[in-house]
């Protein structure tokens, strides 16, 4: 797995590798608005996790998930979270998915 110095470098690098869609986290699914796709916890995989810590503030901490799915021929995209800020309202299944998969890719 490639390492990156900044969140923007990671996004650019992963986009070059085909992770072109943007996902948003909802309590029961992740969603790609432009494609009008909602993926439940069992419909996607987390291929890589990259964490970034802010230099000046812990409020700048973020985590980037490289997500893939076999739904409709395959989707690859990115999900950005501010170290669990948005995950706080996620369902138990989504929290488990993000937590377990993120620890399998140190």
N, C-alpha and C. Protein backbone atom coordinates (compact mmCIF):
# COMPACT_ATOMS: atom_id res chain seq x y z
N UNK A 1 0.85 -1.17 0.00
CA UNK A 1 0.00 0.00 0.00
C UNK A 1 0.90 1.24 0.00
N UNK A 2 0.58 2.15 -0.88
CA UNK A 2 1.32 3.39 -0.99
C UNK A 2 1.03 4.29 0.21
N UNK A 3 2.04 5.05 0.64
CA UNK A 3 1.83 6.01 1.72
C UNK A 3 1.83 7.42 1.14
N UNK A 4 1.09 8.30 1.79
CA UNK A 4 0.92 9.67 1.33
C UNK A 4 1.18 10.62 2.49
N UNK A 5 1.70 11.80 2.16
CA UNK A 5 1.99 12.81 3.17
C UNK A 5 0.74 13.62 3.56
N UNK A 6 -0.13 13.86 2.57
CA UNK A 6 -1.31 14.69 2.82
C UNK A 6 -2.57 14.02 2.29
N UNK A 7 -3.70 14.49 2.78
CA UNK A 7 -4.99 13.99 2.32
C UNK A 7 -5.17 14.25 0.82
N UNK A 8 -4.80 15.43 0.37
CA UNK A 8 -4.98 15.75 -1.06
C UNK A 8 -4.10 14.88 -1.94
N UNK A 9 -2.89 14.56 -1.50
CA UNK A 9 -2.03 13.66 -2.26
C UNK A 9 -2.65 12.26 -2.33
N UNK A 10 -3.22 11.81 -1.23
CA UNK A 10 -3.85 10.49 -1.19
C UNK A 10 -5.05 10.43 -2.12
N UNK A 11 -5.87 11.46 -2.09
CA UNK A 11 -7.05 11.50 -2.97
C UNK A 11 -6.60 11.44 -4.43
N UNK A 12 -5.62 12.25 -4.79
CA UNK A 12 -5.12 12.27 -6.17
C UNK A 12 -4.55 10.91 -6.56
N UNK A 13 -3.74 10.33 -5.69
CA UNK A 13 -3.13 9.03 -5.97
C UNK A 13 -4.15 7.93 -6.14
N UNK A 14 -5.14 7.90 -5.27
CA UNK A 14 -6.17 6.86 -5.35
C UNK A 14 -7.08 7.08 -6.56
N UNK A 15 -7.35 8.32 -6.90
CA UNK A 15 -8.15 8.59 -8.10
C UNK A 15 -7.43 8.07 -9.34
N UNK A 16 -6.11 8.23 -9.40
CA UNK A 16 -5.33 7.69 -10.52
C UNK A 16 -5.43 6.18 -10.59
N UNK A 17 -5.69 5.55 -9.46
CA UNK A 17 -5.83 4.09 -9.42
C UNK A 17 -7.27 3.64 -9.58
N UNK A 18 -8.15 4.56 -9.97
CA UNK A 18 -9.52 4.18 -10.30
C UNK A 18 -10.57 4.45 -9.25
N UNK A 19 -10.21 5.00 -8.11
CA UNK A 19 -11.17 5.34 -7.05
C UNK A 19 -11.74 6.72 -7.37
N UNK A 20 -12.65 6.76 -8.33
CA UNK A 20 -13.09 8.04 -8.89
C UNK A 20 -14.40 8.57 -8.32
N UNK A 21 -15.15 7.76 -7.63
CA UNK A 21 -16.44 8.19 -7.12
C UNK A 21 -16.31 8.70 -5.68
N UNK A 22 -17.14 9.66 -5.33
CA UNK A 22 -17.17 10.20 -3.96
C UNK A 22 -18.34 9.59 -3.21
N UNK A 23 -18.06 9.06 -2.03
CA UNK A 23 -19.09 8.48 -1.18
C UNK A 23 -19.30 9.34 0.06
N UNK A 24 -20.53 9.37 0.54
CA UNK A 24 -20.90 10.03 1.78
C UNK A 24 -21.44 8.98 2.74
N UNK A 25 -21.15 9.15 4.02
CA UNK A 25 -21.59 8.22 5.03
C UNK A 25 -22.95 8.62 5.58
N UNK A 26 -23.87 7.65 5.63
CA UNK A 26 -25.18 7.80 6.24
C UNK A 26 -25.32 6.71 7.30
N UNK A 27 -26.26 6.82 8.19
CA UNK A 27 -26.37 5.83 9.27
C UNK A 27 -26.45 4.38 8.80
N UNK A 28 -27.12 4.11 7.69
CA UNK A 28 -27.33 2.73 7.25
C UNK A 28 -26.61 2.37 5.95
N UNK A 29 -25.92 3.32 5.31
CA UNK A 29 -25.28 3.05 4.02
C UNK A 29 -24.23 4.11 3.70
N UNK A 30 -23.47 3.86 2.63
CA UNK A 30 -22.69 4.92 2.03
C UNK A 30 -23.37 5.23 0.70
N UNK A 31 -23.24 6.48 0.28
CA UNK A 31 -23.99 6.92 -0.89
C UNK A 31 -23.10 7.67 -1.87
N UNK A 32 -23.30 7.38 -3.16
CA UNK A 32 -22.67 8.13 -4.23
C UNK A 32 -23.78 8.91 -4.92
N UNK A 33 -23.88 10.19 -4.60
CA UNK A 33 -24.98 11.02 -5.11
C UNK A 33 -25.04 11.11 -6.63
N UNK A 34 -23.92 11.38 -7.33
CA UNK A 34 -24.01 11.50 -8.79
C UNK A 34 -24.54 10.24 -9.48
N UNK A 35 -24.25 9.07 -8.89
CA UNK A 35 -24.73 7.81 -9.46
C UNK A 35 -26.06 7.36 -8.87
N UNK A 36 -26.53 8.08 -7.84
CA UNK A 36 -27.75 7.71 -7.14
C UNK A 36 -27.67 6.26 -6.61
N UNK A 37 -26.53 5.92 -5.99
CA UNK A 37 -26.29 4.58 -5.46
C UNK A 37 -26.13 4.63 -3.96
N UNK A 38 -26.79 3.70 -3.30
CA UNK A 38 -26.65 3.52 -1.86
C UNK A 38 -26.15 2.10 -1.63
N UNK A 39 -25.06 1.97 -0.88
CA UNK A 39 -24.48 0.67 -0.60
C UNK A 39 -24.54 0.39 0.89
N UNK A 40 -25.18 -0.71 1.26
CA UNK A 40 -25.23 -1.13 2.66
C UNK A 40 -23.90 -1.77 3.04
N UNK A 41 -23.69 -1.97 4.32
CA UNK A 41 -22.41 -2.45 4.85
C UNK A 41 -21.92 -3.74 4.21
N UNK A 42 -22.83 -4.58 3.75
CA UNK A 42 -22.41 -5.85 3.14
C UNK A 42 -22.27 -5.76 1.62
N UNK A 43 -22.38 -4.57 1.05
CA UNK A 43 -22.28 -4.40 -0.39
C UNK A 43 -20.99 -3.70 -0.83
N UNK A 44 -20.08 -3.42 0.11
CA UNK A 44 -18.83 -2.78 -0.25
C UNK A 44 -17.69 -3.30 0.62
N UNK A 45 -16.46 -3.07 0.13
CA UNK A 45 -15.25 -3.45 0.84
C UNK A 45 -14.39 -2.21 1.02
N UNK A 46 -13.64 -2.19 2.09
CA UNK A 46 -12.67 -1.13 2.30
C UNK A 46 -11.32 -1.71 1.93
N UNK A 47 -10.75 -1.20 0.83
CA UNK A 47 -9.50 -1.73 0.30
C UNK A 47 -8.28 -1.13 1.00
N UNK A 48 -8.35 0.13 1.35
CA UNK A 48 -7.23 0.82 2.00
C UNK A 48 -7.79 1.87 2.95
N UNK A 49 -6.99 2.17 3.98
CA UNK A 49 -7.32 3.24 4.91
C UNK A 49 -6.07 4.09 5.10
N UNK A 50 -6.25 5.40 5.00
CA UNK A 50 -5.15 6.34 5.20
C UNK A 50 -5.60 7.38 6.22
N UNK A 51 -4.79 7.54 7.27
CA UNK A 51 -5.10 8.51 8.33
C UNK A 51 -4.15 9.69 8.25
N UNK A 52 -4.70 10.86 8.54
CA UNK A 52 -3.90 12.08 8.49
C UNK A 52 -4.18 12.90 9.74
N UNK A 53 -3.12 13.40 10.36
CA UNK A 53 -3.26 14.22 11.55
C UNK A 53 -2.90 15.65 11.21
N UNK A 54 -3.72 16.58 11.67
CA UNK A 54 -3.47 17.99 11.42
C UNK A 54 -2.23 18.46 12.16
N UNK A 55 -1.46 19.30 11.52
CA UNK A 55 -0.22 19.82 12.12
C UNK A 55 -0.52 20.80 13.25
N UNK A 56 -1.54 21.62 13.08
CA UNK A 56 -1.79 22.68 14.05
C UNK A 56 -2.96 22.40 14.99
N UNK A 57 -3.81 21.46 14.60
CA UNK A 57 -5.01 21.23 15.41
C UNK A 57 -5.47 19.79 15.27
N UNK A 58 -5.87 19.21 16.38
CA UNK A 58 -6.42 17.85 16.32
C UNK A 58 -7.77 17.83 15.63
N UNK A 59 -8.40 19.00 15.45
CA UNK A 59 -9.66 19.08 14.72
C UNK A 59 -9.46 18.80 13.23
N UNK A 60 -8.21 18.84 12.77
CA UNK A 60 -7.91 18.60 11.36
C UNK A 60 -7.64 17.14 11.04
N UNK A 61 -7.81 16.25 11.99
CA UNK A 61 -7.57 14.83 11.77
C UNK A 61 -8.63 14.26 10.83
N UNK A 62 -8.18 13.41 9.90
CA UNK A 62 -9.13 12.80 8.97
C UNK A 62 -8.67 11.40 8.59
N UNK A 63 -9.61 10.63 8.09
CA UNK A 63 -9.33 9.28 7.60
C UNK A 63 -9.96 9.16 6.22
N UNK A 64 -9.23 8.53 5.31
CA UNK A 64 -9.67 8.34 3.93
C UNK A 64 -9.80 6.84 3.68
N UNK A 65 -10.98 6.42 3.27
CA UNK A 65 -11.24 5.03 2.93
C UNK A 65 -11.30 4.88 1.42
N UNK A 66 -10.55 3.91 0.87
CA UNK A 66 -10.68 3.53 -0.54
C UNK A 66 -11.68 2.38 -0.56
N UNK A 67 -12.82 2.62 -1.21
CA UNK A 67 -13.97 1.71 -1.17
C UNK A 67 -14.18 1.08 -2.54
N UNK A 68 -14.50 -0.21 -2.54
CA UNK A 68 -14.88 -0.87 -3.79
C UNK A 68 -16.13 -1.71 -3.56
N UNK A 69 -16.85 -1.94 -4.65
CA UNK A 69 -18.08 -2.73 -4.58
C UNK A 69 -18.26 -3.45 -5.91
N UNK A 70 -18.85 -4.61 -5.85
CA UNK A 70 -19.17 -5.37 -7.06
C UNK A 70 -20.57 -5.05 -7.58
N UNK A 71 -21.27 -4.13 -6.93
CA UNK A 71 -22.62 -3.75 -7.34
C UNK A 71 -22.58 -3.16 -8.73
N UNK A 72 -23.44 -3.65 -9.59
CA UNK A 72 -23.59 -3.16 -10.97
C UNK A 72 -22.27 -3.08 -11.72
N UNK A 73 -21.51 -4.15 -11.70
CA UNK A 73 -20.28 -4.21 -12.48
C UNK A 73 -19.06 -3.65 -11.78
N UNK A 74 -19.22 -3.10 -10.62
CA UNK A 74 -18.09 -2.61 -9.85
C UNK A 74 -18.01 -1.10 -9.76
N UNK A 75 -17.81 -0.63 -8.55
CA UNK A 75 -17.63 0.79 -8.27
C UNK A 75 -16.39 0.93 -7.39
N UNK A 76 -15.64 1.99 -7.61
CA UNK A 76 -14.51 2.30 -6.75
C UNK A 76 -14.57 3.79 -6.43
N UNK A 77 -14.41 4.10 -5.16
CA UNK A 77 -14.49 5.50 -4.77
C UNK A 77 -13.86 5.75 -3.41
N UNK A 78 -14.05 6.97 -2.94
CA UNK A 78 -13.43 7.44 -1.70
C UNK A 78 -14.47 7.93 -0.71
N UNK A 79 -14.20 7.64 0.55
CA UNK A 79 -15.02 8.12 1.66
C UNK A 79 -14.08 8.80 2.64
N UNK A 80 -14.33 10.06 2.93
CA UNK A 80 -13.50 10.83 3.87
C UNK A 80 -14.30 11.04 5.15
N UNK A 81 -13.66 10.83 6.28
CA UNK A 81 -14.29 11.06 7.58
C UNK A 81 -13.31 11.83 8.46
N UNK A 82 -13.81 12.65 9.30
CA UNK A 82 -12.98 13.43 10.22
C UNK A 82 -12.77 12.65 11.51
N UNK A 83 -12.04 11.53 11.43
CA UNK A 83 -11.75 10.66 12.57
C UNK A 83 -13.00 10.31 13.36
N UNK A 84 -14.01 9.88 12.67
CA UNK A 84 -15.19 9.38 13.34
C UNK A 84 -16.27 10.40 13.61
N UNK A 85 -16.07 11.65 13.23
CA UNK A 85 -17.08 12.67 13.48
C UNK A 85 -18.40 12.28 12.83
N UNK A 86 -18.37 11.92 11.55
CA UNK A 86 -19.59 11.57 10.84
C UNK A 86 -20.04 10.16 11.19
N UNK A 87 -19.13 9.31 11.54
CA UNK A 87 -19.48 7.93 11.89
C UNK A 87 -20.25 7.86 13.20
N UNK A 88 -20.22 8.92 13.98
CA UNK A 88 -20.89 8.92 15.28
C UNK A 88 -22.38 8.60 15.15
N UNK A 89 -22.99 8.95 14.03
CA UNK A 89 -24.43 8.68 13.86
C UNK A 89 -24.68 7.42 13.04
N UNK A 90 -23.64 6.67 12.71
CA UNK A 90 -23.79 5.48 11.87
C UNK A 90 -24.36 4.32 12.68
N UNK A 91 -24.97 3.38 11.97
CA UNK A 91 -25.54 2.19 12.61
C UNK A 91 -24.40 1.31 13.14
N UNK A 92 -24.77 0.36 13.98
CA UNK A 92 -23.77 -0.55 14.54
C UNK A 92 -23.07 -1.34 13.44
N UNK A 93 -23.80 -1.73 12.40
CA UNK A 93 -23.21 -2.47 11.29
C UNK A 93 -22.19 -1.63 10.54
N UNK A 94 -22.51 -0.35 10.30
CA UNK A 94 -21.59 0.52 9.60
C UNK A 94 -20.35 0.80 10.46
N UNK A 95 -20.54 1.04 11.73
CA UNK A 95 -19.41 1.27 12.62
C UNK A 95 -18.48 0.06 12.64
N UNK A 96 -19.07 -1.12 12.72
CA UNK A 96 -18.28 -2.35 12.72
C UNK A 96 -17.51 -2.48 11.41
N UNK A 97 -18.15 -2.22 10.30
CA UNK A 97 -17.50 -2.31 8.99
C UNK A 97 -16.31 -1.36 8.92
N UNK A 98 -16.50 -0.12 9.29
CA UNK A 98 -15.44 0.87 9.22
C UNK A 98 -14.32 0.57 10.20
N UNK A 99 -14.68 0.10 11.39
CA UNK A 99 -13.68 -0.20 12.42
C UNK A 99 -12.87 -1.44 12.07
N UNK A 100 -13.54 -2.54 11.76
CA UNK A 100 -12.85 -3.79 11.48
C UNK A 100 -12.01 -3.68 10.23
N UNK A 101 -12.59 -3.19 9.14
CA UNK A 101 -11.84 -3.12 7.90
C UNK A 101 -10.68 -2.13 8.00
N UNK A 102 -10.85 -1.06 8.75
CA UNK A 102 -9.77 -0.10 8.85
C UNK A 102 -8.58 -0.69 9.60
N UNK A 103 -8.82 -1.64 10.49
CA UNK A 103 -7.72 -2.24 11.23
C UNK A 103 -7.05 -3.37 10.46
N UNK A 104 -7.66 -3.83 9.37
CA UNK A 104 -7.01 -4.85 8.57
C UNK A 104 -6.05 -4.25 7.58
N UNK A 105 -6.04 -2.91 7.44
CA UNK A 105 -5.14 -2.20 6.54
C UNK A 105 -4.41 -1.12 7.31
N UNK A 106 -3.39 -1.49 8.09
CA UNK A 106 -2.73 -0.50 8.94
C UNK A 106 -2.10 0.62 8.15
